[in-house]
């Protein structure tokens, strides 16, 4: 796998890495930040035994969150992933495609050299 050739729908990491965390900001269709106070955001990775990683909301008013990796979260290979966002009313939105090319989101994890 070659991180230099990643497509827009792919995220590249190395197995065992814990940095950088995956951060993002939720915005409405007009590009305005959504206040995510009280929201629950989770990243779901389609490993053979699926993994769910909770996000930490770092700036709720501006819709900002971060997903911090543990060393066991990143497993070598190519894996589909999605972000699930649950608002305060219990409504769920699942993001599983890239907005520019409509391709499914993919996590590309390289092996460590040593």
C-alpha atoms as a PDB file:
ATOM      1  CA  UNK A   1       0.000   0.000   0.000  1.00  0.00           C
ATOM      2  CA  UNK A   2       1.287   3.435  -0.815  1.00  0.00           C
ATOM      3  CA  UNK A   3       0.042   6.443   1.151  1.00  0.00           C
ATOM      4  CA  UNK A   4       1.363   8.709  -1.618  1.00  0.00           C
ATOM      5  CA  UNK A   5      -1.311   7.387  -3.976  1.00  0.00           C
ATOM      6  CA  UNK A   6      -4.312   7.734  -1.678  1.00  0.00           C
ATOM      7  CA  UNK A   7      -7.609   8.707  -3.260  1.00  0.00           C
ATOM      8  CA  UNK A   8      -9.855  11.451  -1.772  1.00  0.00           C
ATOM      9  CA  UNK A   9     -12.043   8.794  -0.128  1.00  0.00           C
ATOM     10  CA  UNK A  10      -9.080   7.113   1.615  1.00  0.00           C
ATOM     11  CA  UNK A  11      -7.302   7.803   4.916  1.00  0.00           C
ATOM     12  CA  UNK A  12      -3.756   6.512   5.333  1.00  0.00           C
ATOM     13  CA  UNK A  13      -2.101   5.381   8.564  1.00  0.00           C
ATOM     14  CA  UNK A  14       0.493   2.856   9.738  1.00  0.00           C
ATOM     15  CA  UNK A  15      -0.465  -0.076  11.968  1.00  0.00           C
ATOM     16  CA  UNK A  16       0.084   0.765  15.628  1.00  0.00           C
ATOM     17  CA  UNK A  17       0.138   4.534  15.123  1.00  0.00           C
ATOM     18  CA  UNK A  18      -1.719   6.691  17.607  1.00  0.00           C
ATOM     19  CA  UNK A  19      -1.118  10.099  15.971  1.00  0.00           C
ATOM     20  CA  UNK A  20      -2.428  12.111  14.341  1.00  0.00           C
ATOM     21  CA  UNK A  21      -5.961  11.737  15.565  1.00  0.00           C
ATOM     22  CA  UNK A  22      -8.735  11.990  13.016  1.00  0.00           C
ATOM     23  CA  UNK A  23     -10.433  15.350  13.375  1.00  0.00           C
ATOM     24  CA  UNK A  24     -13.327  16.930  11.582  1.00  0.00           C
ATOM     25  CA  UNK A  25     -16.043  19.555  11.727  1.00  0.00           C
ATOM     26  CA  UNK A  26     -19.731  19.052  11.025  1.00  0.00           C
ATOM     27  CA  UNK A  27     -21.324  21.673   8.820  1.00  0.00           C
ATOM     28  CA  UNK A  28     -24.738  22.100   7.261  1.00  0.00           C
ATOM     29  CA  UNK A  29     -25.409  22.206   3.504  1.00  0.00           C
ATOM     30  CA  UNK A  30     -24.510  25.911   3.439  1.00  0.00           C
ATOM     31  CA  UNK A  31     -21.112  25.300   5.069  1.00  0.00           C
ATOM     32  CA  UNK A  32     -22.169  26.728   8.438  1.00  0.00           C
ATOM     33  CA  UNK A  33     -20.879  24.930  11.538  1.00  0.00           C
ATOM     34  CA  UNK A  34     -23.461  22.793  13.348  1.00  0.00           C
ATOM     35  CA  UNK A  35     -23.588  23.060  17.146  1.00  0.00           C
ATOM     36  CA  UNK A  36     -23.004  19.451  18.193  1.00  0.00           C
ATOM     37  CA  UNK A  37     -23.564  19.922  21.913  1.00  0.00           C
ATOM     38  CA  UNK A  38     -24.954  16.632  23.239  1.00  0.00           C
ATOM     39  CA  UNK A  39     -24.259  14.703  20.020  1.00  0.00           C
ATOM     40  CA  UNK A  40     -22.643  11.270  19.948  1.00  0.00           C
ATOM     41  CA  UNK A  41     -20.150  10.641  17.169  1.00  0.00           C
ATOM     42  CA  UNK A  42     -18.544   7.263  16.508  1.00  0.00           C
ATOM     43  CA  UNK A  43     -16.215   5.853  13.874  1.00  0.00           C
ATOM     44  CA  UNK A  44     -17.031   2.317  12.714  1.00  0.00           C
ATOM     45  CA  UNK A  45     -14.330   0.226  11.002  1.00  0.00           C
ATOM     46  CA  UNK A  46     -15.357  -2.923   9.134  1.00  0.00           C
ATOM     47  CA  UNK A  47     -12.642  -5.230  10.449  1.00  0.00           C
ATOM     48  CA  UNK A  48     -13.570  -8.947  10.589  1.00  0.00           C
ATOM     49  CA  UNK A  49     -14.569  -8.098  14.158  1.00  0.00           C
ATOM     50  CA  UNK A  50     -15.921  -4.541  13.692  1.00  0.00           C
ATOM     51  CA  UNK A  51     -14.486  -1.766  15.850  1.00  0.00           C
ATOM     52  CA  UNK A  52     -16.388   1.274  17.118  1.00  0.00           C
ATOM     53  CA  UNK A  53     -14.334   4.244  18.336  1.00  0.00           C
ATOM     54  CA  UNK A  54     -16.038   7.170  20.092  1.00  0.00           C
ATOM     55  CA  UNK A  55     -15.122  10.724  19.153  1.00  0.00           C
ATOM     56  CA  UNK A  56     -14.371  13.490  21.619  1.00  0.00           C
ATOM     57  CA  UNK A  57     -16.184  16.748  20.926  1.00  0.00           C
ATOM     58  CA  UNK A  58     -13.540  19.447  21.273  1.00  0.00           C
ATOM     59  CA  UNK A  59     -15.497  22.544  20.174  1.00  0.00           C
ATOM     60  CA  UNK A  60     -19.230  21.797  20.155  1.00  0.00           C
ATOM     61  CA  UNK A  61     -20.403  25.231  18.998  1.00  0.00           C
ATOM     62  CA  UNK A  62     -18.192  24.994  15.904  1.00  0.00           C
ATOM     63  CA  UNK A  63     -18.996  21.314  15.274  1.00  0.00           C
ATOM     64  CA  UNK A  64     -15.425  20.102  15.902  1.00  0.00           C
ATOM     65  CA  UNK A  65     -14.583  16.575  17.048  1.00  0.00           C
ATOM     66  CA  UNK A  66     -11.518  14.318  17.175  1.00  0.00           C
ATOM     67  CA  UNK A  67     -11.069  10.560  17.154  1.00  0.00           C
ATOM     68  CA  UNK A  68      -7.979   9.556  19.102  1.00  0.00           C
ATOM     69  CA  UNK A  69      -6.381   6.292  18.058  1.00  0.00           C
ATOM     70  CA  UNK A  70      -5.206   3.601  20.460  1.00  0.00           C
ATOM     71  CA  UNK A  71      -2.315   1.455  19.220  1.00  0.00           C
ATOM     72  CA  UNK A  72      -4.712  -1.486  18.739  1.00  0.00           C
ATOM     73  CA  UNK A  73      -7.187   0.507  16.575  1.00  0.00           C
ATOM     74  CA  UNK A  74      -5.227   0.416  13.308  1.00  0.00           C
ATOM     75  CA  UNK A  75      -4.861  -3.008  11.695  1.00  0.00           C
ATOM     76  CA  UNK A  76      -2.912  -3.646   8.474  1.00  0.00           C
ATOM     77  CA  UNK A  77      -5.079  -3.739   5.349  1.00  0.00           C
ATOM     78  CA  UNK A  78      -7.791  -1.811   3.534  1.00  0.00           C
ATOM     79  CA  UNK A  79     -11.017  -1.396   5.439  1.00  0.00           C
ATOM     80  CA  UNK A  80     -14.328   0.351   4.848  1.00  0.00           C
ATOM     81  CA  UNK A  81     -15.319   2.799   7.537  1.00  0.00           C
ATOM     82  CA  UNK A  82     -18.141   5.167   8.357  1.00  0.00           C
ATOM     83  CA  UNK A  83     -18.887   7.972  10.766  1.00  0.00           C
ATOM     84  CA  UNK A  84     -22.160   7.825  12.678  1.00  0.00           C
ATOM     85  CA  UNK A  85     -23.584  11.026  14.120  1.00  0.00           C
ATOM     86  CA  UNK A  86     -26.475  10.903  16.577  1.00  0.00           C
ATOM     87  CA  UNK A  87     -28.102  14.213  17.517  1.00  0.00           C
ATOM     88  CA  UNK A  88     -29.827  15.065  20.805  1.00  0.00           C
ATOM     89  CA  UNK A  89     -33.175  13.831  19.439  1.00  0.00           C
ATOM     90  CA  UNK A  90     -31.742  10.379  18.705  1.00  0.00           C
ATOM     91  CA  UNK A  91     -31.670  10.948  14.943  1.00  0.00           C
ATOM     92  CA  UNK A  92     -28.759   9.210  13.189  1.00  0.00           C
ATOM     93  CA  UNK A  93     -26.794  10.250  10.109  1.00  0.00           C
ATOM     94  CA  UNK A  94     -24.217   7.832   8.716  1.00  0.00           C
ATOM     95  CA  UNK A  95     -21.446   9.209   6.511  1.00  0.00           C
ATOM     96  CA  UNK A  96     -19.911   6.429   4.417  1.00  0.00           C
ATOM     97  CA  UNK A  97     -19.068   8.111   1.091  1.00  0.00           C
ATOM     98  CA  UNK A  98     -16.756  10.931   0.086  1.00  0.00           C
ATOM     99  CA  UNK A  99     -18.635  14.070  -0.924  1.00  0.00           C
ATOM    100  CA  UNK A 100     -16.460  14.792  -3.979  1.00  0.00           C
ATOM    101  CA  UNK A 101     -16.460  11.418  -5.741  1.00  0.00           C
ATOM    102  CA  UNK A 102     -19.215   9.426  -3.955  1.00  0.00           C
ATOM    103  CA  UNK A 103     -16.739   6.578  -3.333  1.00  0.00           C
ATOM    104  CA  UNK A 104     -17.055   4.490  -0.182  1.00  0.00           C
ATOM    105  CA  UNK A 105     -14.747   5.646   2.610  1.00  0.00           C
ATOM    106  CA  UNK A 106     -11.688   3.465   3.088  1.00  0.00           C
ATOM    107  CA  UNK A 107      -9.021   3.237   5.764  1.00  0.00           C
ATOM    108  CA  UNK A 108      -5.642   2.206   4.321  1.00  0.00           C
ATOM    109  CA  UNK A 109      -3.270   0.899   6.997  1.00  0.00           C
ATOM    110  CA  UNK A 110       0.319   0.101   6.058  1.00  0.00           C
ATOM    111  CA  UNK A 111       2.587  -2.314   7.941  1.00  0.00           C
ATOM    112  CA  UNK A 112       5.288  -0.976  10.212  1.00  0.00           C
ATOM    113  CA  UNK A 113       8.771  -1.301   8.659  1.00  0.00           C
ATOM    114  CA  UNK A 114      10.315  -2.899  11.722  1.00  0.00           C
END
